[in-house]
């Protein structure tokens, strides 16, 4: 009977590292875009003197800024999770479920490369 491996091989970790790096690059670009959008919104540039429409625009601008800030915050959290996954790759703990101690399925890691829980552990946490 073959024993289940406790860690992923260097080759497997290299695959996951590439996936994470790709996601990190995309997430950082998105945060940069959001920040750029927010800074442009702060530079109104036009002198709008119609008070009623100005109040409506201000409300819409505020709501949009709030939404963009929330999106940026979520992306920053995602980036942090991906960076933590890169650290786990470097120290050899990547892909090991913190709930069960078993290897997380490759398919799950490809879909959610920053996860620290196997499907089994994730489902058990919901109960």
N, C-alpha and C. Protein backbone atom coordinates (compact mmCIF):
# COMPACT_ATOMS: atom_id res chain seq x y z
N UNK A 1 0.84 -1.18 0.00
CA UNK A 1 0.00 0.00 0.00
C UNK A 1 0.88 1.25 0.00
N UNK A 2 0.67 2.16 -0.95
CA UNK A 2 1.50 3.36 -1.01
C UNK A 2 0.96 4.42 -0.05
N UNK A 3 1.89 5.08 0.58
CA UNK A 3 1.54 6.11 1.54
C UNK A 3 1.30 7.43 0.81
N UNK A 4 0.33 8.20 1.28
CA UNK A 4 0.01 9.48 0.66
C UNK A 4 1.14 10.47 0.94
N UNK A 5 1.61 11.21 -0.08
CA UNK A 5 2.71 12.16 0.14
C UNK A 5 2.28 13.28 1.10
N UNK A 6 3.27 13.80 1.83
CA UNK A 6 3.00 14.85 2.81
C UNK A 6 3.24 16.25 2.24
N UNK A 7 3.97 16.31 1.14
CA UNK A 7 4.31 17.59 0.53
C UNK A 7 4.28 17.45 -1.00
N UNK A 8 4.13 18.60 -1.67
CA UNK A 8 4.23 18.60 -3.12
C UNK A 8 5.70 18.68 -3.53
N UNK A 9 6.00 18.13 -4.71
CA UNK A 9 7.37 18.15 -5.23
C UNK A 9 7.75 19.56 -5.68
N UNK A 10 9.03 19.76 -5.91
CA UNK A 10 9.51 21.08 -6.38
C UNK A 10 8.83 21.46 -7.71
N UNK A 11 8.67 20.47 -8.59
CA UNK A 11 8.05 20.73 -9.88
C UNK A 11 6.59 21.17 -9.71
N UNK A 12 5.90 20.48 -8.83
CA UNK A 12 4.50 20.85 -8.56
C UNK A 12 4.42 22.23 -7.93
N UNK A 13 5.31 22.51 -6.99
CA UNK A 13 5.32 23.82 -6.35
C UNK A 13 5.64 24.92 -7.36
N UNK A 14 6.51 24.62 -8.32
CA UNK A 14 6.84 25.60 -9.36
C UNK A 14 5.60 25.94 -10.20
N UNK A 15 4.77 24.93 -10.47
CA UNK A 15 3.52 25.17 -11.21
C UNK A 15 2.61 26.11 -10.41
N UNK A 16 2.45 25.83 -9.11
CA UNK A 16 1.59 26.67 -8.27
C UNK A 16 2.17 28.08 -8.13
N UNK A 17 3.48 28.16 -8.04
CA UNK A 17 4.14 29.47 -7.93
C UNK A 17 3.85 30.32 -9.17
N UNK A 18 3.88 29.69 -10.33
CA UNK A 18 3.59 30.41 -11.58
C UNK A 18 2.14 30.90 -11.59
N UNK A 19 1.22 30.07 -11.14
CA UNK A 19 -0.19 30.45 -11.08
C UNK A 19 -0.37 31.64 -10.14
N UNK A 20 0.25 31.55 -8.98
CA UNK A 20 0.13 32.62 -7.98
C UNK A 20 0.75 33.92 -8.50
N UNK A 21 1.91 33.80 -9.14
CA UNK A 21 2.58 34.99 -9.67
C UNK A 21 1.70 35.68 -10.72
N UNK A 22 1.06 34.89 -11.56
CA UNK A 22 0.16 35.43 -12.59
C UNK A 22 -1.02 36.17 -11.93
N UNK A 23 -1.60 35.56 -10.90
CA UNK A 23 -2.71 36.19 -10.20
C UNK A 23 -2.27 37.45 -9.46
N UNK A 24 -1.07 37.42 -8.89
CA UNK A 24 -0.53 38.59 -8.20
C UNK A 24 -0.36 39.76 -9.17
N UNK A 25 0.20 39.48 -10.31
CA UNK A 25 0.41 40.52 -11.32
C UNK A 25 -0.93 41.15 -11.72
N UNK A 26 -1.91 40.31 -12.01
CA UNK A 26 -3.23 40.81 -12.40
C UNK A 26 -3.88 41.62 -11.28
N UNK A 27 -3.79 41.13 -10.05
CA UNK A 27 -4.41 41.83 -8.91
C UNK A 27 -3.74 43.17 -8.66
N UNK A 28 -2.42 43.21 -8.77
CA UNK A 28 -1.69 44.48 -8.58
C UNK A 28 -2.05 45.50 -9.66
N UNK A 29 -2.21 45.03 -10.90
CA UNK A 29 -2.62 45.92 -11.98
C UNK A 29 -4.01 46.48 -11.70
N UNK A 30 -4.90 45.63 -11.21
CA UNK A 30 -6.26 46.07 -10.91
C UNK A 30 -6.27 47.11 -9.79
N UNK A 31 -5.47 46.89 -8.76
CA UNK A 31 -5.39 47.87 -7.67
C UNK A 31 -4.85 49.20 -8.19
N UNK A 32 -3.82 49.14 -9.03
CA UNK A 32 -3.26 50.37 -9.61
C UNK A 32 -4.31 51.11 -10.44
N UNK A 33 -5.09 50.35 -11.21
CA UNK A 33 -6.15 50.95 -12.02
C UNK A 33 -7.20 51.61 -11.13
N UNK A 34 -7.60 50.93 -10.06
CA UNK A 34 -8.60 51.47 -9.14
C UNK A 34 -8.08 52.76 -8.50
N UNK A 35 -6.82 52.73 -8.05
CA UNK A 35 -6.23 53.93 -7.43
C UNK A 35 -6.17 55.08 -8.41
N UNK A 36 -5.81 54.77 -9.65
CA UNK A 36 -5.76 55.80 -10.69
C UNK A 36 -7.16 56.37 -10.94
N UNK A 37 -8.15 55.50 -10.99
CA UNK A 37 -9.53 55.94 -11.19
C UNK A 37 -9.97 56.84 -10.04
N UNK A 38 -9.64 56.44 -8.83
CA UNK A 38 -10.01 57.24 -7.66
C UNK A 38 -9.32 58.60 -7.67
N UNK A 39 -8.06 58.65 -8.04
CA UNK A 39 -7.35 59.93 -8.06
C UNK A 39 -7.89 60.85 -9.16
N UNK A 40 -8.31 60.27 -10.28
CA UNK A 40 -8.93 61.09 -11.34
C UNK A 40 -10.27 61.63 -10.89
N UNK A 41 -11.01 60.85 -10.11
CA UNK A 41 -12.32 61.29 -9.62
C UNK A 41 -12.16 62.47 -8.66
N UNK A 42 -11.03 62.52 -7.96
CA UNK A 42 -10.79 63.63 -7.05
C UNK A 42 -10.42 64.91 -7.79
N UNK A 43 -9.94 64.77 -9.02
CA UNK A 43 -9.61 65.94 -9.87
C UNK A 43 -10.78 66.23 -10.78
N UNK A 44 -11.76 66.92 -10.29
CA UNK A 44 -12.98 67.15 -11.06
C UNK A 44 -12.70 67.96 -12.32
N UNK A 45 -11.92 69.00 -12.21
CA UNK A 45 -11.50 69.74 -13.39
C UNK A 45 -12.56 70.62 -14.03
N UNK A 46 -13.83 70.33 -13.91
CA UNK A 46 -14.88 71.14 -14.52
C UNK A 46 -15.57 71.94 -13.44
N UNK A 47 -15.99 73.13 -13.80
CA UNK A 47 -16.69 74.00 -12.86
C UNK A 47 -18.17 73.87 -13.11
N UNK A 48 -18.85 73.11 -12.27
CA UNK A 48 -20.28 72.87 -12.42
C UNK A 48 -21.01 73.72 -11.39
N UNK A 49 -21.81 74.70 -11.87
CA UNK A 49 -22.47 75.62 -10.93
C UNK A 49 -23.95 75.30 -10.73
N UNK A 50 -24.49 74.33 -11.43
CA UNK A 50 -25.90 73.96 -11.24
C UNK A 50 -26.01 73.17 -9.94
N UNK A 51 -26.55 73.78 -8.91
CA UNK A 51 -26.50 73.21 -7.56
C UNK A 51 -27.28 71.91 -7.41
N UNK A 52 -28.49 71.80 -7.99
CA UNK A 52 -29.30 70.60 -7.83
C UNK A 52 -28.61 69.39 -8.47
N UNK A 53 -28.19 69.53 -9.70
CA UNK A 53 -27.53 68.41 -10.37
C UNK A 53 -26.18 68.13 -9.73
N UNK A 54 -25.54 69.16 -9.21
CA UNK A 54 -24.24 68.98 -8.54
C UNK A 54 -24.41 68.10 -7.31
N UNK A 55 -25.49 68.29 -6.54
CA UNK A 55 -25.73 67.49 -5.35
C UNK A 55 -25.95 66.02 -5.72
N UNK A 56 -26.71 65.80 -6.80
CA UNK A 56 -26.95 64.42 -7.25
C UNK A 56 -25.65 63.77 -7.72
N UNK A 57 -24.85 64.53 -8.46
CA UNK A 57 -23.57 64.01 -8.93
C UNK A 57 -22.64 63.69 -7.76
N UNK A 58 -22.64 64.56 -6.75
CA UNK A 58 -21.80 64.34 -5.58
C UNK A 58 -22.20 63.03 -4.88
N UNK A 59 -23.50 62.79 -4.77
CA UNK A 59 -23.98 61.55 -4.15
C UNK A 59 -23.56 60.34 -4.94
N UNK A 60 -23.69 60.41 -6.25
CA UNK A 60 -23.29 59.30 -7.11
C UNK A 60 -21.78 59.10 -7.05
N UNK A 61 -21.03 60.21 -7.05
CA UNK A 61 -19.57 60.13 -6.95
C UNK A 61 -19.15 59.47 -5.64
N UNK A 62 -19.81 59.87 -4.56
CA UNK A 62 -19.48 59.30 -3.25
C UNK A 62 -19.75 57.80 -3.23
N UNK A 63 -20.89 57.39 -3.76
CA UNK A 63 -21.23 55.96 -3.81
C UNK A 63 -20.22 55.20 -4.66
N UNK A 64 -19.84 55.78 -5.79
CA UNK A 64 -18.87 55.11 -6.66
C UNK A 64 -17.50 55.02 -6.00
N UNK A 65 -17.09 56.09 -5.33
CA UNK A 65 -15.81 56.07 -4.61
C UNK A 65 -15.82 55.01 -3.52
N UNK A 66 -16.93 54.92 -2.79
CA UNK A 66 -17.05 53.89 -1.75
C UNK A 66 -16.92 52.50 -2.35
N UNK A 67 -17.60 52.29 -3.46
CA UNK A 67 -17.55 51.00 -4.14
C UNK A 67 -16.13 50.68 -4.60
N UNK A 68 -15.46 51.66 -5.19
CA UNK A 68 -14.08 51.46 -5.64
C UNK A 68 -13.14 51.20 -4.47
N UNK A 69 -13.35 51.90 -3.37
CA UNK A 69 -12.52 51.67 -2.18
C UNK A 69 -12.71 50.26 -1.64
N UNK A 70 -13.96 49.79 -1.63
CA UNK A 70 -14.23 48.42 -1.17
C UNK A 70 -13.56 47.40 -2.10
N UNK A 71 -13.66 47.65 -3.39
CA UNK A 71 -13.03 46.76 -4.36
C UNK A 71 -11.51 46.74 -4.17
N UNK A 72 -10.92 47.92 -3.98
CA UNK A 72 -9.48 48.01 -3.76
C UNK A 72 -9.09 47.27 -2.47
N UNK A 73 -9.90 47.41 -1.45
CA UNK A 73 -9.63 46.74 -0.17
C UNK A 73 -9.66 45.22 -0.34
N UNK A 74 -10.66 44.73 -1.07
CA UNK A 74 -10.74 43.28 -1.32
C UNK A 74 -9.54 42.79 -2.12
N UNK A 75 -9.14 43.57 -3.10
CA UNK A 75 -7.99 43.19 -3.92
C UNK A 75 -6.71 43.18 -3.09
N UNK A 76 -6.57 44.15 -2.19
CA UNK A 76 -5.38 44.20 -1.33
C UNK A 76 -5.35 42.97 -0.41
N UNK A 77 -6.51 42.57 0.10
CA UNK A 77 -6.59 41.37 0.95
C UNK A 77 -6.21 40.14 0.12
N UNK A 78 -6.70 40.06 -1.11
CA UNK A 78 -6.39 38.96 -2.01
C UNK A 78 -4.88 38.90 -2.29
N UNK A 79 -4.29 40.07 -2.54
CA UNK A 79 -2.84 40.15 -2.78
C UNK A 79 -2.08 39.63 -1.56
N UNK A 80 -2.51 40.03 -0.37
CA UNK A 80 -1.85 39.57 0.85
C UNK A 80 -1.95 38.05 0.99
N UNK A 81 -3.12 37.50 0.66
CA UNK A 81 -3.29 36.05 0.73
C UNK A 81 -2.38 35.34 -0.27
N UNK A 82 -2.26 35.90 -1.47
CA UNK A 82 -1.38 35.31 -2.48
C UNK A 82 0.09 35.40 -2.04
N UNK A 83 0.47 36.55 -1.46
CA UNK A 83 1.84 36.71 -0.98
C UNK A 83 2.14 35.71 0.15
N UNK A 84 1.16 35.49 1.01
CA UNK A 84 1.32 34.49 2.08
C UNK A 84 1.49 33.09 1.49
N UNK A 85 0.76 32.81 0.41
CA UNK A 85 0.89 31.51 -0.26
C UNK A 85 2.31 31.35 -0.83
N UNK A 86 2.87 32.44 -1.36
CA UNK A 86 4.25 32.38 -1.88
C UNK A 86 5.23 32.08 -0.74
N UNK A 87 4.98 32.63 0.42
CA UNK A 87 5.84 32.35 1.58
C UNK A 87 5.73 30.87 1.95
N UNK A 88 4.50 30.34 1.91
CA UNK A 88 4.32 28.92 2.23
C UNK A 88 5.04 28.03 1.21
N UNK A 89 5.09 28.46 -0.04
CA UNK A 89 5.84 27.70 -1.05
C UNK A 89 7.32 27.69 -0.66
N UNK A 90 7.83 28.85 -0.31
CA UNK A 90 9.26 28.97 0.04
C UNK A 90 9.62 28.14 1.28
N UNK A 91 8.72 28.11 2.27
CA UNK A 91 9.06 27.37 3.49
C UNK A 91 8.57 25.93 3.49
N UNK A 92 7.98 25.49 2.37
CA UNK A 92 7.63 24.08 2.21
C UNK A 92 6.32 23.64 2.83
N UNK A 93 5.47 24.58 3.22
CA UNK A 93 4.19 24.20 3.83
C UNK A 93 3.01 24.41 2.89
N UNK A 94 3.28 24.84 1.67
CA UNK A 94 2.20 25.12 0.72
C UNK A 94 1.48 23.83 0.34
N UNK A 95 0.15 23.93 0.27
CA UNK A 95 -0.65 22.81 -0.19
C UNK A 95 -1.04 21.83 0.90
N UNK A 96 -0.61 22.09 2.13
CA UNK A 96 -0.96 21.23 3.24
C UNK A 96 -2.12 21.86 4.00
N UNK A 97 -3.21 21.14 4.13
CA UNK A 97 -4.41 21.66 4.80
C UNK A 97 -4.12 21.90 6.28
N UNK A 98 -4.47 23.10 6.76
CA UNK A 98 -4.24 23.39 8.17
C UNK A 98 -5.28 22.72 9.06
N UNK A 99 -6.35 22.22 8.46
CA UNK A 99 -7.39 21.53 9.23
C UNK A 99 -7.16 20.04 9.37
N UNK A 100 -6.70 19.43 8.28
CA UNK A 100 -6.55 17.97 8.27
C UNK A 100 -5.11 17.50 8.26
N UNK A 101 -4.19 18.38 7.84
CA UNK A 101 -2.78 17.99 7.72
C UNK A 101 -2.48 17.22 6.45
N UNK A 102 -3.50 17.00 5.62
CA UNK A 102 -3.33 16.27 4.36
C UNK A 102 -3.09 17.26 3.23
N UNK A 103 -2.62 16.74 2.10
CA UNK A 103 -2.42 17.59 0.93
C UNK A 103 -3.78 18.05 0.37
N UNK A 104 -3.82 19.30 0.00
CA UNK A 104 -5.01 19.86 -0.66
C UNK A 104 -4.96 19.41 -2.12
N UNK A 105 -6.09 19.03 -2.67
CA UNK A 105 -6.15 18.55 -4.06
C UNK A 105 -5.59 19.60 -5.02
N UNK A 106 -4.83 19.13 -6.00
CA UNK A 106 -4.24 20.03 -6.99
C UNK A 106 -5.30 20.87 -7.69
N UNK A 107 -6.43 20.25 -8.00
CA UNK A 107 -7.50 20.97 -8.70
C UNK A 107 -7.97 22.16 -7.87
N UNK A 108 -8.08 21.96 -6.57
CA UNK A 108 -8.50 23.05 -5.68
C UNK A 108 -7.44 24.15 -5.64
N UNK A 109 -6.18 23.76 -5.56
CA UNK A 109 -5.11 24.75 -5.52
C UNK A 109 -5.00 25.52 -6.83
N UNK A 110 -5.30 24.86 -7.93
CA UNK A 110 -5.28 25.58 -9.21
C UNK A 110 -6.41 26.60 -9.27
N UNK A 111 -7.55 26.26 -8.70
CA UNK A 111 -8.71 27.16 -8.71
C UNK A 111 -8.57 28.26 -7.65
N UNK A 112 -8.09 27.89 -6.47
CA UNK A 112 -7.97 28.83 -5.34
C UNK A 112 -6.56 28.67 -4.77
N UNK A 113 -5.55 29.24 -5.45
CA UNK A 113 -4.16 28.95 -5.07
C UNK A 113 -3.74 29.46 -3.69
N UNK A 114 -4.52 30.34 -3.10
CA UNK A 114 -4.16 30.87 -1.78
C UNK A 114 -4.83 30.11 -0.63
N UNK A 115 -5.63 29.10 -0.95
CA UNK A 115 -6.36 28.37 0.09
C UNK A 115 -5.42 27.62 1.03
N UNK A 116 -5.86 27.47 2.26
CA UNK A 116 -5.13 26.68 3.24
C UNK A 116 -5.98 25.51 3.74
N UNK A 117 -7.15 25.33 3.09
CA UNK A 117 -8.08 24.29 3.53
C UNK A 117 -8.46 23.38 2.36
N UNK A 118 -8.49 22.10 2.64
CA UNK A 118 -9.01 21.15 1.66
C UNK A 118 -10.53 21.31 1.62
N UNK A 119 -11.15 20.74 0.61
CA UNK A 119 -12.62 20.78 0.53
C UNK A 119 -13.22 20.14 1.77
N UNK A 120 -12.63 19.02 2.19
CA UNK A 120 -13.10 18.31 3.38
C UNK A 120 -13.10 19.22 4.61
N UNK A 121 -12.00 19.93 4.83
CA UNK A 121 -11.90 20.83 5.99
C UNK A 121 -12.82 22.03 5.84
N UNK A 122 -12.95 22.53 4.64
CA UNK A 122 -13.81 23.69 4.38
C UNK A 122 -15.27 23.33 4.68
N UNK A 123 -15.70 22.16 4.24
CA UNK A 123 -17.08 21.73 4.49
C UNK A 123 -17.31 21.50 5.99
N UNK A 124 -16.32 20.97 6.68
CA UNK A 124 -16.44 20.72 8.12
C UNK A 124 -16.56 22.04 8.89
N UNK A 125 -15.90 23.09 8.40
CA UNK A 125 -15.96 24.40 9.05
C UNK A 125 -17.34 25.03 8.94
N UNK A 126 -18.06 24.71 7.88
CA UNK A 126 -19.40 25.28 7.66
C UNK A 126 -20.44 24.72 8.60
N UNK A 127 -20.21 23.51 9.08
CA UNK A 127 -21.20 22.85 9.95
C UNK A 127 -21.21 23.41 11.35
